[in-house]
C-alpha atoms as a PDB file:
ATOM      1  CA  GLN A   1       9.160 -10.820 -48.321  1.00  0.00           C
ATOM      2  CA  VAL A   2       5.774 -11.512 -48.398  1.00  0.00           C
ATOM      3  CA  GLN A   3       4.855 -14.407 -50.390  1.00  0.00           C
ATOM      4  CA  LEU A   4       1.211 -16.370 -51.207  1.00  0.00           C
ATOM      5  CA  VAL A   5       1.112 -18.402 -53.616  1.00  0.00           C
ATOM      6  CA  GLU A   6      -1.977 -19.832 -54.064  1.00  0.00           C
ATOM      7  CA  SER A   7      -3.603 -23.106 -55.819  1.00  0.00           C
ATOM      8  CA  GLY A   8      -6.194 -25.583 -56.856  1.00  0.00           C
ATOM      9  CA  GLY A   9      -8.844 -23.304 -58.346  1.00  0.00           C
ATOM     10  CA  GLY A  10     -11.056 -24.636 -61.422  1.00  0.00           C
ATOM     11  CA  LEU A  11     -13.389 -25.692 -62.904  1.00  0.00           C
ATOM     12  CA  VAL A  12     -16.129 -27.440 -60.359  1.00  0.00           C
ATOM     13  CA  GLN A  13     -19.961 -28.472 -60.915  1.00  0.00           C
ATOM     14  CA  PRO A  14     -22.919 -26.880 -58.910  1.00  0.00           C
ATOM     15  CA  GLY A  15     -22.949 -28.628 -55.803  1.00  0.00           C
ATOM     16  CA  GLY A  16     -19.044 -30.079 -56.823  1.00  0.00           C
ATOM     17  CA  SER A  17     -15.529 -30.139 -54.304  1.00  0.00           C
ATOM     18  CA  LEU A  18     -12.549 -28.179 -54.667  1.00  0.00           C
ATOM     19  CA  LYS A  19      -9.821 -27.211 -52.431  1.00  0.00           C
ATOM     20  CA  LEU A  20      -7.401 -24.601 -52.510  1.00  0.00           C
ATOM     21  CA  SER A  21      -4.065 -24.262 -50.741  1.00  0.00           C
ATOM     22  CA  CYS A  22      -1.805 -21.132 -50.620  1.00  0.00           C
ATOM     23  CA  GLN A  23       1.983 -21.358 -49.878  1.00  0.00           C
ATOM     24  CA  ALA A  24       2.878 -18.841 -47.335  1.00  0.00           C
ATOM     25  CA  SER A  25       6.998 -17.696 -47.307  1.00  0.00           C
ATOM     26  CA  GLY A  26       8.137 -14.420 -46.165  1.00  0.00           C
ATOM     27  CA  PHE A  27       7.023 -13.895 -42.231  1.00  0.00           C
ATOM     28  CA  THR A  28       6.543 -15.842 -39.040  1.00  0.00           C
ATOM     29  CA  PHE A  29       3.348 -17.687 -40.139  1.00  0.00           C
ATOM     30  CA  ASP A  30       2.140 -18.965 -36.527  1.00  0.00           C
ATOM     31  CA  ASP A  31       2.177 -15.362 -35.336  1.00  0.00           C
ATOM     32  CA  TYR A  32      -0.675 -14.353 -37.521  1.00  0.00           C
ATOM     33  CA  ALA A  33      -3.940 -15.726 -38.930  1.00  0.00           C
ATOM     34  CA  MET A  34      -4.638 -17.089 -41.914  1.00  0.00           C
ATOM     35  CA  ARG A  35      -7.845 -15.716 -44.142  1.00  0.00           C
ATOM     36  CA  TRP A  36      -9.083 -16.615 -47.537  1.00  0.00           C
ATOM     37  CA  TYR A  37     -10.933 -13.691 -49.470  1.00  0.00           C
ATOM     38  CA  ARG A  38     -12.531 -14.123 -52.769  1.00  0.00           C
ATOM     39  CA  GLN A  39     -13.001 -11.076 -56.052  1.00  0.00           C
ATOM     40  CA  ALA A  40     -15.783 -12.055 -58.415  1.00  0.00           C
ATOM     41  CA  PRO A  41     -15.818 -10.138 -61.423  1.00  0.00           C
ATOM     42  CA  GLN A  42     -16.941  -6.141 -60.496  1.00  0.00           C
ATOM     43  CA  LYS A  43     -17.429  -6.855 -57.097  1.00  0.00           C
ATOM     44  CA  VAL A  44     -14.914  -5.839 -54.022  1.00  0.00           C
ATOM     45  CA  ARG A  45     -12.817  -8.342 -52.808  1.00  0.00           C
ATOM     46  CA  GLU A  46     -14.193  -9.864 -49.871  1.00  0.00           C
ATOM     47  CA  LEU A  47     -13.030 -11.639 -46.762  1.00  0.00           C
ATOM     48  CA  VAL A  48     -14.190 -15.326 -47.199  1.00  0.00           C
ATOM     49  CA  ALA A  49     -13.160 -17.511 -44.405  1.00  0.00           C
ATOM     50  CA  ALA A  50     -10.325 -17.330 -41.254  1.00  0.00           C
ATOM     51  CA  ILE A  51      -8.785 -19.261 -39.382  1.00  0.00           C
ATOM     52  CA  GLY A  52      -6.247 -18.638 -36.029  1.00  0.00           C
ATOM     53  CA  ARG A  53      -3.060 -18.837 -35.277  1.00  0.00           C
ATOM     54  CA  THR A  54      -3.416 -22.138 -33.741  1.00  0.00           C
ATOM     55  CA  GLY A  55      -6.184 -23.117 -36.147  1.00  0.00           C
ATOM     56  CA  GLY A  56      -8.500 -23.561 -32.733  1.00  0.00           C
ATOM     57  CA  THR A  57     -11.259 -20.925 -34.310  1.00  0.00           C
ATOM     58  CA  THR A  58     -12.708 -19.842 -37.751  1.00  0.00           C
ATOM     59  CA  LYS A  59     -14.978 -17.531 -38.921  1.00  0.00           C
ATOM     60  CA  TYR A  60     -17.021 -17.054 -42.168  1.00  0.00           C
ATOM     61  CA  ILE A  61     -19.250 -14.740 -44.174  1.00  0.00           C
ATOM     62  CA  ASP A  62     -22.651 -16.237 -43.694  1.00  0.00           C
ATOM     63  CA  SER A  63     -22.940 -17.494 -46.821  1.00  0.00           C
ATOM     64  CA  VAL A  64     -20.314 -20.098 -46.872  1.00  0.00           C
ATOM     65  CA  LYS A  65     -20.812 -22.154 -43.104  1.00  0.00           C
ATOM     66  CA  GLY A  66     -21.923 -24.796 -43.337  1.00  0.00           C
ATOM     67  CA  ARG A  67     -19.912 -25.524 -46.642  1.00  0.00           C
ATOM     68  CA  PHE A  68     -16.416 -24.186 -46.973  1.00  0.00           C
ATOM     69  CA  THR A  69     -13.703 -24.963 -44.458  1.00  0.00           C
ATOM     70  CA  ILE A  70     -10.945 -23.919 -43.589  1.00  0.00           C
ATOM     71  CA  SER A  71      -7.707 -25.314 -41.943  1.00  0.00           C
ATOM     72  CA  ARG A  72      -3.522 -24.530 -41.439  1.00  0.00           C
ATOM     73  CA  ASP A  73      -0.481 -26.259 -40.729  1.00  0.00           C
ATOM     74  CA  ASN A  74       1.930 -24.867 -39.275  1.00  0.00           C
ATOM     75  CA  ALA A  75       4.610 -27.139 -40.067  1.00  0.00           C
ATOM     76  CA  LYS A  76       4.382 -26.493 -43.847  1.00  0.00           C
ATOM     77  CA  ASN A  77       3.156 -22.503 -43.551  1.00  0.00           C
ATOM     78  CA  THR A  78       0.463 -24.179 -45.220  1.00  0.00           C
ATOM     79  CA  ALA A  79      -3.827 -22.701 -45.503  1.00  0.00           C
ATOM     80  CA  THR A  80      -6.338 -24.677 -46.924  1.00  0.00           C
ATOM     81  CA  LEU A  81     -10.034 -23.857 -48.250  1.00  0.00           C
ATOM     82  CA  GLN A  82     -12.317 -26.739 -48.844  1.00  0.00           C
ATOM     83  CA  MET A  83     -14.733 -26.134 -50.438  1.00  0.00           C
ATOM     84  CA  ASN A  84     -18.300 -28.226 -50.917  1.00  0.00           C
ATOM     85  CA  SER A  85     -21.439 -27.802 -52.377  1.00  0.00           C
ATOM     86  CA  VAL A  86     -20.243 -25.454 -54.702  1.00  0.00           C
ATOM     87  CA  GLN A  87     -23.040 -22.795 -55.771  1.00  0.00           C
ATOM     88  CA  SER A  88     -23.484 -20.443 -58.683  1.00  0.00           C
ATOM     89  CA  GLU A  89     -22.584 -17.703 -56.090  1.00  0.00           C
ATOM     90  CA  ASP A  90     -19.325 -19.434 -55.559  1.00  0.00           C
ATOM     91  CA  PRO A  91     -17.417 -18.544 -58.309  1.00  0.00           C
ATOM     92  CA  ALA A  92     -14.386 -15.847 -58.333  1.00  0.00           C
ATOM     93  CA  VAL A  93     -11.183 -14.896 -57.402  1.00  0.00           C
ATOM     94  CA  TYR A  94      -9.717 -16.284 -54.644  1.00  0.00           C
ATOM     95  CA  TYR A  95      -6.625 -15.530 -52.789  1.00  0.00           C
ATOM     96  CA  CYS A  96      -5.560 -16.163 -48.948  1.00  0.00           C
ATOM     97  CA  ASN A  97      -3.579 -13.565 -47.371  1.00  0.00           C
ATOM     98  CA  ALA A  98      -2.628 -12.745 -43.038  1.00  0.00           C
ATOM     99  CA  GLY A  99      -3.704 -10.729 -40.828  1.00  0.00           C
ATOM    100  CA  PRO A 100      -2.907 -10.267 -37.057  1.00  0.00           C
ATOM    101  CA  THR A 101      -6.429 -10.925 -35.749  1.00  0.00           C
ATOM    102  CA  ILE A 102      -9.306 -13.405 -37.346  1.00  0.00           C
ATOM    103  CA  TRP A 103     -10.962 -10.609 -38.335  1.00  0.00           C
ATOM    104  CA  GLY A 104     -11.237  -6.934 -38.675  1.00  0.00           C
ATOM    105  CA  THR A 105      -7.488  -5.960 -39.525  1.00  0.00           C
ATOM    106  CA  ALA A 106      -5.986  -4.985 -42.545  1.00  0.00           C
ATOM    107  CA  PRO A 107      -4.438  -7.901 -44.476  1.00  0.00           C
ATOM    108  CA  PHE A 108      -0.708  -7.889 -45.894  1.00  0.00           C
ATOM    109  CA  ASP A 109      -0.133  -5.439 -48.379  1.00  0.00           C
ATOM    110  CA  SER A 110       1.246  -7.745 -50.459  1.00  0.00           C
ATOM    111  CA  TRP A 111      -1.117 -10.936 -52.755  1.00  0.00           C
ATOM    112  CA  GLY A 112      -0.778 -13.952 -54.753  1.00  0.00           C
ATOM    113  CA  GLN A 113      -1.961 -14.313 -58.307  1.00  0.00           C
ATOM    114  CA  GLY A 114      -5.078 -15.995 -56.411  1.00  0.00           C
ATOM    115  CA  ALA A 115      -6.924 -19.356 -58.191  1.00  0.00           C
ATOM    116  CA  GLN A 116      -9.899 -18.782 -60.208  1.00  0.00           C
ATOM    117  CA  VAL A 117     -12.582 -20.996 -59.166  1.00  0.00           C
ATOM    118  CA  THR A 118     -15.116 -21.482 -62.080  1.00  0.00           C
ATOM    119  CA  VAL A 119     -18.825 -23.081 -61.727  1.00  0.00           C
ATOM    120  CA  SER A 120     -20.809 -24.905 -64.632  1.00  0.00           C
ATOM    121  CA  SER A 121     -22.360 -26.978 -65.439  1.00  0.00           C
END
């Protein structure tokens, strides 16, 4: 069964950095694109960044381009989200998930507990 475990969340100052990690199991990792989503209070969950199966293709929403970097390690079944220049609009619970394509297809129904990112000076 699909399991996704996020870690690395915490408190960061505006302009600071944070690295989130995702340990995946229960599916053939390199058959799927990996994605990071986030959900802020009273907002819909949104797809933030995605990476293709081999890591050669990445995609980001405009608000995080140039600040966030998604990567993956197929040997370890892990995906990471490096968050730099964190801004006041970034606080949310961040979730990883997988999809058959990098964007535009439904992710797995299973979700992890997420990683809370809080921004405060």
